[in-house]
């Protein structure tokens, strides 16, 4: 994206909604809430991480509790 907001493009190729992005302090990663479709039910919120250098995202291991908001911890 340009400084004025033009030329936007998606960072990931996930085919689901992605919410609450948070940049790592060193700007190398973005943590966000993604919704992974479950095998036996509807999509559930998961924490995902996008690596700017690698250009790919992955889900973090599922934890018990509320995973609604992503926060990058270094």
PDB file of N, CA and C in Angstrom:
ATOM      1  N   UNK A   1       0.838  -1.163   0.000  1.00  0.00           N
ATOM      2  CA  UNK A   1       0.000   0.000   0.000  1.00  0.00           C
ATOM      3  C   UNK A   1       0.890   1.236   0.000  1.00  0.00           C
ATOM      4  N   UNK A   2       0.495   2.203  -0.769  1.00  0.00           N
ATOM      5  CA  UNK A   2       1.218   3.460  -0.811  1.00  0.00           C
ATOM      6  C   UNK A   2       0.916   4.296   0.430  1.00  0.00           C
ATOM      7  N   UNK A   3       1.704   5.321   0.666  1.00  0.00           N
ATOM      8  CA  UNK A   3       1.538   6.186   1.834  1.00  0.00           C
ATOM      9  C   UNK A   3       0.155   6.817   1.921  1.00  0.00           C
ATOM     10  N   UNK A   4      -0.504   7.017   0.767  1.00  0.00           N
ATOM     11  CA  UNK A   4      -1.824   7.655   0.753  1.00  0.00           C
ATOM     12  C   UNK A   4      -2.968   6.653   0.784  1.00  0.00           C
ATOM     13  N   UNK A   5      -2.657   5.356   0.931  1.00  0.00           N
ATOM     14  CA  UNK A   5      -3.696   4.333   1.003  1.00  0.00           C
ATOM     15  C   UNK A   5      -4.059   3.727  -0.344  1.00  0.00           C
ATOM     16  N   UNK A   6      -3.465   4.210  -1.418  1.00  0.00           N
ATOM     17  CA  UNK A   6      -3.736   3.662  -2.749  1.00  0.00           C
ATOM     18  C   UNK A   6      -2.941   2.366  -2.944  1.00  0.00           C
ATOM     19  N   UNK A   7      -3.313   1.616  -3.940  1.00  0.00           N
ATOM     20  CA  UNK A   7      -2.635   0.364  -4.308  1.00  0.00           C
ATOM     21  C   UNK A   7      -2.617  -0.666  -3.180  1.00  0.00           C
ATOM     22  N   UNK A   8      -3.757  -0.821  -2.509  1.00  0.00           N
ATOM     23  CA  UNK A   8      -3.870  -1.827  -1.462  1.00  0.00           C
ATOM     24  C   UNK A   8      -3.939  -3.216  -2.077  1.00  0.00           C
ATOM     25  N   UNK A   9      -3.391  -4.201  -1.381  1.00  0.00           N
ATOM     26  CA  UNK A   9      -3.509  -5.595  -1.787  1.00  0.00           C
ATOM     27  C   UNK A   9      -3.452  -6.468  -0.538  1.00  0.00           C
ATOM     28  N   UNK A  10      -4.084  -7.640  -0.585  1.00  0.00           N
ATOM     29  CA  UNK A  10      -4.115  -8.504   0.603  1.00  0.00           C
ATOM     30  C   UNK A  10      -2.738  -9.079   0.913  1.00  0.00           C
ATOM     31  N   UNK A  11      -2.445  -9.253   2.194  1.00  0.00           N
ATOM     32  CA  UNK A  11      -1.190  -9.874   2.607  1.00  0.00           C
ATOM     33  C   UNK A  11      -1.269 -11.394   2.530  1.00  0.00           C
ATOM     34  N   UNK A  12      -2.431 -11.948   2.781  1.00  0.00           N
ATOM     35  CA  UNK A  12      -2.579 -13.403   2.803  1.00  0.00           C
ATOM     36  C   UNK A  12      -3.534 -13.858   1.714  1.00  0.00           C
ATOM     37  N   UNK A  13      -3.531 -15.153   1.483  1.00  0.00           N
ATOM     38  CA  UNK A  13      -4.474 -15.740   0.529  1.00  0.00           C
ATOM     39  C   UNK A  13      -5.529 -16.567   1.251  1.00  0.00           C
ATOM     40  N   UNK A  14      -5.710 -16.308   2.542  1.00  0.00           N
ATOM     41  CA  UNK A  14      -6.731 -17.026   3.301  1.00  0.00           C
ATOM     42  C   UNK A  14      -8.105 -16.692   2.734  1.00  0.00           C
ATOM     43  N   UNK A  15      -8.953 -17.669   2.681  1.00  0.00           N
ATOM     44  CA  UNK A  15     -10.303 -17.458   2.166  1.00  0.00           C
ATOM     45  C   UNK A  15     -11.301 -17.351   3.320  1.00  0.00           C
ATOM     46  N   UNK A  16     -10.914 -16.567   4.326  1.00  0.00           N
ATOM     47  CA  UNK A  16     -11.784 -16.336   5.467  1.00  0.00           C
ATOM     48  C   UNK A  16     -11.524 -14.932   5.990  1.00  0.00           C
ATOM     49  N   UNK A  17     -12.350 -14.522   6.915  1.00  0.00           N
ATOM     50  CA  UNK A  17     -12.201 -13.184   7.477  1.00  0.00           C
ATOM     51  C   UNK A  17     -10.970 -13.143   8.378  1.00  0.00           C
ATOM     52  N   UNK A  18     -10.265 -12.050   8.360  1.00  0.00           N
ATOM     53  CA  UNK A  18      -9.096 -11.820   9.224  1.00  0.00           C
ATOM     54  C   UNK A  18      -9.331 -10.510   9.964  1.00  0.00           C
ATOM     55  N   UNK A  19      -9.146 -10.544  11.284  1.00  0.00           N
ATOM     56  CA  UNK A  19      -9.459  -9.387  12.124  1.00  0.00           C
ATOM     57  C   UNK A  19      -8.302  -9.030  13.046  1.00  0.00           C
ATOM     58  N   UNK A  20      -8.366  -7.860  13.618  1.00  0.00           N
ATOM     59  CA  UNK A  20      -7.484  -7.331  14.665  1.00  0.00           C
ATOM     60  C   UNK A  20      -5.992  -7.534  14.398  1.00  0.00           C
ATOM     61  N   UNK A  21      -5.476  -7.033  13.279  1.00  0.00           N
ATOM     62  CA  UNK A  21      -4.043  -7.185  13.019  1.00  0.00           C
ATOM     63  C   UNK A  21      -3.199  -6.354  13.993  1.00  0.00           C
ATOM     64  N   UNK A  22      -2.051  -6.901  14.359  1.00  0.00           N
ATOM     65  CA  UNK A  22      -1.098  -6.204  15.226  1.00  0.00           C
ATOM     66  C   UNK A  22       0.301  -6.458  14.703  1.00  0.00           C
ATOM     67  N   UNK A  23       1.042  -5.392  14.444  1.00  0.00           N
ATOM     68  CA  UNK A  23       2.417  -5.507  13.956  1.00  0.00           C
ATOM     69  C   UNK A  23       3.358  -5.823  15.104  1.00  0.00           C
ATOM     70  N   UNK A  24       4.374  -6.642  14.834  1.00  0.00           N
ATOM     71  CA  UNK A  24       5.455  -6.878  15.791  1.00  0.00           C
ATOM     72  C   UNK A  24       6.263  -5.586  15.896  1.00  0.00           C
ATOM     73  N   UNK A  25       6.909  -5.327  17.021  1.00  0.00           N
ATOM     74  CA  UNK A  25       7.689  -4.096  17.178  1.00  0.00           C
ATOM     75  C   UNK A  25       8.749  -3.894  16.096  1.00  0.00           C
ATOM     76  N   UNK A  26       9.316  -4.989  15.569  1.00  0.00           N
ATOM     77  CA  UNK A  26      10.338  -4.854  14.528  1.00  0.00           C
ATOM     78  C   UNK A  26       9.756  -4.874  13.112  1.00  0.00           C
ATOM     79  N   UNK A  27       8.452  -4.881  13.001  1.00  0.00           N
ATOM     80  CA  UNK A  27       7.721  -4.848  11.714  1.00  0.00           C
ATOM     81  C   UNK A  27       7.997  -6.054  10.814  1.00  0.00           C
ATOM     82  N   UNK A  28       8.449  -7.163  11.376  1.00  0.00           N
ATOM     83  CA  UNK A  28       8.741  -8.343  10.564  1.00  0.00           C
ATOM     84  C   UNK A  28       7.567  -9.305  10.481  1.00  0.00           C
ATOM     85  N   UNK A  29       6.581  -9.154  11.384  1.00  0.00           N
ATOM     86  CA  UNK A  29       5.441 -10.067  11.435  1.00  0.00           C
ATOM     87  C   UNK A  29       4.164  -9.315  11.769  1.00  0.00           C
ATOM     88  N   UNK A  30       3.050  -9.922  11.405  1.00  0.00           N
ATOM     89  CA  UNK A  30       1.737  -9.410  11.772  1.00  0.00           C
ATOM     90  C   UNK A  30       0.953 -10.570  12.388  1.00  0.00           C
ATOM     91  N   UNK A  31       0.468 -10.378  13.606  1.00  0.00           N
ATOM     92  CA  UNK A  31      -0.415 -11.355  14.231  1.00  0.00           C
ATOM     93  C   UNK A  31      -1.842 -10.891  13.987  1.00  0.00           C
ATOM     94  N   UNK A  32      -2.739 -11.829  13.754  1.00  0.00           N
ATOM     95  CA  UNK A  32      -4.136 -11.472  13.517  1.00  0.00           C
ATOM     96  C   UNK A  32      -5.038 -12.638  13.867  1.00  0.00           C
ATOM     97  N   UNK A  33      -6.317 -12.364  14.043  1.00  0.00           N
ATOM     98  CA  UNK A  33      -7.299 -13.401  14.285  1.00  0.00           C
ATOM     99  C   UNK A  33      -7.834 -13.880  12.949  1.00  0.00           C
ATOM    100  N   UNK A  34      -7.724 -15.189  12.702  1.00  0.00           N
ATOM    101  CA  UNK A  34      -8.278 -15.763  11.484  1.00  0.00           C
ATOM    102  C   UNK A  34      -9.320 -16.799  11.891  1.00  0.00           C
ATOM    103  N   UNK A  35     -10.183 -17.152  10.985  1.00  0.00           N
ATOM    104  CA  UNK A  35     -11.233 -18.121  11.268  1.00  0.00           C
ATOM    105  C   UNK A  35     -11.011 -19.358  10.421  1.00  0.00           C
ATOM    106  N   UNK A  36     -10.539 -20.421  11.068  1.00  0.00           N
ATOM    107  CA  UNK A  36     -10.272 -21.679  10.384  1.00  0.00           C
ATOM    108  C   UNK A  36     -11.520 -22.549  10.432  1.00  0.00           C
ATOM    109  N   UNK A  37     -11.888 -23.088   9.297  1.00  0.00           N
ATOM    110  CA  UNK A  37     -13.061 -23.950   9.244  1.00  0.00           C
ATOM    111  C   UNK A  37     -12.737 -25.261   9.940  1.00  0.00           C
ATOM    112  N   UNK A  38     -13.580 -25.635  10.894  1.00  0.00           N
ATOM    113  CA  UNK A  38     -13.394 -26.887  11.610  1.00  0.00           C
ATOM    114  C   UNK A  38     -13.889 -28.069  10.791  1.00  0.00           C
ATOM    115  N   UNK A  39     -13.396 -29.251  11.111  1.00  0.00           N
ATOM    116  CA  UNK A  39     -13.826 -30.448  10.383  1.00  0.00           C
ATOM    117  C   UNK A  39     -15.214 -30.897  10.796  1.00  0.00           C
ATOM    118  N   UNK A  40     -15.628 -30.529  11.996  1.00  0.00           N
ATOM    119  CA  UNK A  40     -16.935 -30.990  12.472  1.00  0.00           C
ATOM    120  C   UNK A  40     -17.871 -29.847  12.833  1.00  0.00           C
ATOM    121  N   UNK A  41     -17.608 -28.657  12.353  1.00  0.00           N
ATOM    122  CA  UNK A  41     -18.482 -27.555  12.712  1.00  0.00           C
ATOM    123  C   UNK A  41     -18.091 -26.273  12.027  1.00  0.00           C
ATOM    124  N   UNK A  42     -18.630 -25.180  12.533  1.00  0.00           N
ATOM    125  CA  UNK A  42     -18.347 -23.879  11.909  1.00  0.00           C
ATOM    126  C   UNK A  42     -16.916 -23.418  12.175  1.00  0.00           C
ATOM    127  N   UNK A  43     -16.540 -22.371  11.497  1.00  0.00           N
ATOM    128  CA  UNK A  43     -15.205 -21.797  11.658  1.00  0.00           C
ATOM    129  C   UNK A  43     -15.033 -21.287  13.084  1.00  0.00           C
ATOM    130  N   UNK A  44     -13.834 -21.449  13.609  1.00  0.00           N
ATOM    131  CA  UNK A  44     -13.549 -20.981  14.960  1.00  0.00           C
ATOM    132  C   UNK A  44     -12.372 -20.010  14.916  1.00  0.00           C
ATOM    133  N   UNK A  45     -12.332 -19.036  15.842  1.00  0.00           N
ATOM    134  CA  UNK A  45     -11.243 -18.066  15.824  1.00  0.00           C
ATOM    135  C   UNK A  45      -9.910 -18.711  16.204  1.00  0.00           C
ATOM    136  N   UNK A  46      -8.878 -18.371  15.467  1.00  0.00           N
ATOM    137  CA  UNK A  46      -7.527 -18.857  15.712  1.00  0.00           C
ATOM    138  C   UNK A  46      -6.570 -17.673  15.594  1.00  0.00           C
ATOM    139  N   UNK A  47      -5.431 -17.766  16.233  1.00  0.00           N
ATOM    140  CA  UNK A  47      -4.400 -16.744  16.091  1.00  0.00           C
ATOM    141  C   UNK A  47      -3.487 -17.164  14.945  1.00  0.00           C
ATOM    142  N   UNK A  48      -3.283 -16.277  13.999  1.00  0.00           N
ATOM    143  CA  UNK A  48      -2.415 -16.539  12.854  1.00  0.00           C
ATOM    144  C   UNK A  48      -1.279 -15.526  12.851  1.00  0.00           C
ATOM    145  N   UNK A  49      -0.185 -15.899  12.214  1.00  0.00           N
ATOM    146  CA  UNK A  49       0.979 -15.039  12.122  1.00  0.00           C
ATOM    147  C   UNK A  49       1.417 -14.969  10.668  1.00  0.00           C
ATOM    148  N   UNK A  50       1.627 -13.760  10.176  1.00  0.00           N
ATOM    149  CA  UNK A  50       2.113 -13.551   8.817  1.00  0.00           C
ATOM    150  C   UNK A  50       3.541 -13.031   8.898  1.00  0.00           C
ATOM    151  N   UNK A  51       4.454 -13.690   8.205  1.00  0.00           N
ATOM    152  CA  UNK A  51       5.852 -13.271   8.148  1.00  0.00           C
ATOM    153  C   UNK A  51       6.060 -12.417   6.904  1.00  0.00           C
ATOM    154  N   UNK A  52       6.482 -11.195   7.089  1.00  0.00           N
ATOM    155  CA  UNK A  52       6.711 -10.290   5.964  1.00  0.00           C
ATOM    156  C   UNK A  52       7.857 -10.808   5.102  1.00  0.00           C
ATOM    157  N   UNK A  53       8.930 -11.292   5.727  1.00  0.00           N
ATOM    158  CA  UNK A  53      10.083 -11.790   4.981  1.00  0.00           C
ATOM    159  C   UNK A  53       9.748 -13.022   4.152  1.00  0.00           C
ATOM    160  N   UNK A  54       9.050 -13.978   4.751  1.00  0.00           N
ATOM    161  CA  UNK A  54       8.719 -15.230   4.062  1.00  0.00           C
ATOM    162  C   UNK A  54       7.513 -15.072   3.137  1.00  0.00           C
ATOM    163  N   UNK A  55       6.664 -14.080   3.423  1.00  0.00           N
ATOM    164  CA  UNK A  55       5.481 -13.875   2.598  1.00  0.00           C
ATOM    165  C   UNK A  55       4.416 -14.935   2.773  1.00  0.00           C
ATOM    166  N   UNK A  56       4.369 -15.551   3.958  1.00  0.00           N
ATOM    167  CA  UNK A  56       3.372 -16.586   4.204  1.00  0.00           C
ATOM    168  C   UNK A  56       2.853 -16.501   5.633  1.00  0.00           C
ATOM    169  N   UNK A  57       1.690 -17.098   5.831  1.00  0.00           N
ATOM    170  CA  UNK A  57       1.086 -17.082   7.155  1.00  0.00           C
ATOM    171  C   UNK A  57       0.867 -18.508   7.636  1.00  0.00           C
ATOM    172  N   UNK A  58       0.750 -18.650   8.956  1.00  0.00           N
ATOM    173  CA  UNK A  58       0.460 -19.945   9.548  1.00  0.00           C
ATOM    174  C   UNK A  58      -0.331 -19.732  10.827  1.00  0.00           C
ATOM    175  N   UNK A  59      -1.075 -20.765  11.210  1.00  0.00           N
ATOM    176  CA  UNK A  59      -1.841 -20.721  12.447  1.00  0.00           C
ATOM    177  C   UNK A  59      -0.945 -21.118  13.611  1.00  0.00           C
ATOM    178  N   UNK A  60      -1.117 -20.434  14.723  1.00  0.00           N
ATOM    179  CA  UNK A  60      -0.419 -20.823  15.938  1.00  0.00           C
ATOM    180  C   UNK A  60      -1.207 -21.955  16.584  1.00  0.00           C
ATOM    181  N   UNK A  61      -0.568 -22.780  17.408  1.00  0.00           N
ATOM    182  CA  UNK A  61      -1.288 -23.878  18.063  1.00  0.00           C
ATOM    183  C   UNK A  61      -2.479 -23.351  18.855  1.00  0.00           C
ATOM    184  N   UNK A  62      -3.576 -24.070  18.788  1.00  0.00           N
ATOM    185  CA  UNK A  62      -4.802 -23.663  19.494  1.00  0.00           C
ATOM    186  C   UNK A  62      -4.602 -23.785  20.996  1.00  0.00           C
ATOM    187  N   UNK A  63      -5.059 -22.785  21.709  1.00  0.00           N
ATOM    188  CA  UNK A  63      -4.992 -22.761  23.160  1.00  0.00           C
ATOM    189  C   UNK A  63      -6.391 -22.622  23.719  1.00  0.00           C
ATOM    190  N   UNK A  64      -6.596 -23.061  24.928  1.00  0.00           N
ATOM    191  CA  UNK A  64      -7.891 -22.884  25.559  1.00  0.00           C
ATOM    192  C   UNK A  64      -8.055 -21.435  25.960  1.00  0.00           C
ATOM    193  N   UNK A  65      -9.303 -20.975  25.954  1.00  0.00           N
ATOM    194  CA  UNK A  65      -9.579 -19.607  26.379  1.00  0.00           C
ATOM    195  C   UNK A  65      -9.992 -18.732  25.217  1.00  0.00           C
ATOM    196  N   UNK A  66      -9.966 -17.444  25.435  1.00  0.00           N
ATOM    197  CA  UNK A  66     -10.416 -16.469  24.463  1.00  0.00           C
ATOM    198  C   UNK A  66      -9.280 -16.115  23.520  1.00  0.00           C
ATOM    199  N   UNK A  67      -9.451 -16.422  22.238  1.00  0.00           N
ATOM    200  CA  UNK A  67      -8.437 -16.111  21.239  1.00  0.00           C
ATOM    201  C   UNK A  67      -8.954 -15.053  20.264  1.00  0.00           C
ATOM    202  N   UNK A  68      -9.729 -14.125  20.749  1.00  0.00           N
ATOM    203  CA  UNK A  68     -10.379 -13.144  19.905  1.00  0.00           C
ATOM    204  C   UNK A  68      -9.459 -12.023  19.447  1.00  0.00           C
ATOM    205  N   UNK A  69      -8.403 -11.686  20.212  1.00  0.00           N
ATOM    206  CA  UNK A  69      -7.545 -10.555  19.848  1.00  0.00           C
ATOM    207  C   UNK A  69      -6.099 -10.991  19.803  1.00  0.00           C
ATOM    208  N   UNK A  70      -5.439 -10.655  18.721  1.00  0.00           N
ATOM    209  CA  UNK A  70      -4.038 -11.030  18.552  1.00  0.00           C
ATOM    210  C   UNK A  70      -3.128  -9.986  19.191  1.00  0.00           C
ATOM    211  N   UNK A  71      -2.027 -10.455  19.775  1.00  0.00           N
ATOM    212  CA  UNK A  71      -1.029  -9.549  20.333  1.00  0.00           C
ATOM    213  C   UNK A  71       0.342 -10.182  20.109  1.00  0.00           C
ATOM    214  N   UNK A  72       1.237  -9.438  19.528  1.00  0.00           N
ATOM    215  CA  UNK A  72       2.579  -9.949  19.261  1.00  0.00           C
ATOM    216  C   UNK A  72       3.420  -9.741  20.512  1.00  0.00           C
ATOM    217  N   UNK A  73       4.050 -10.810  20.962  1.00  0.00           N
ATOM    218  CA  UNK A  73       4.931 -10.748  22.127  1.00  0.00           C
ATOM    219  C   UNK A  73       6.319 -11.125  21.649  1.00  0.00           C
ATOM    220  N   UNK A  74       7.295 -10.283  21.943  1.00  0.00           N
ATOM    221  CA  UNK A  74       8.669 -10.565  21.506  1.00  0.00           C
ATOM    222  C   UNK A  74       9.518 -11.011  22.667  1.00  0.00           C
TER     223      UNK A  74
END
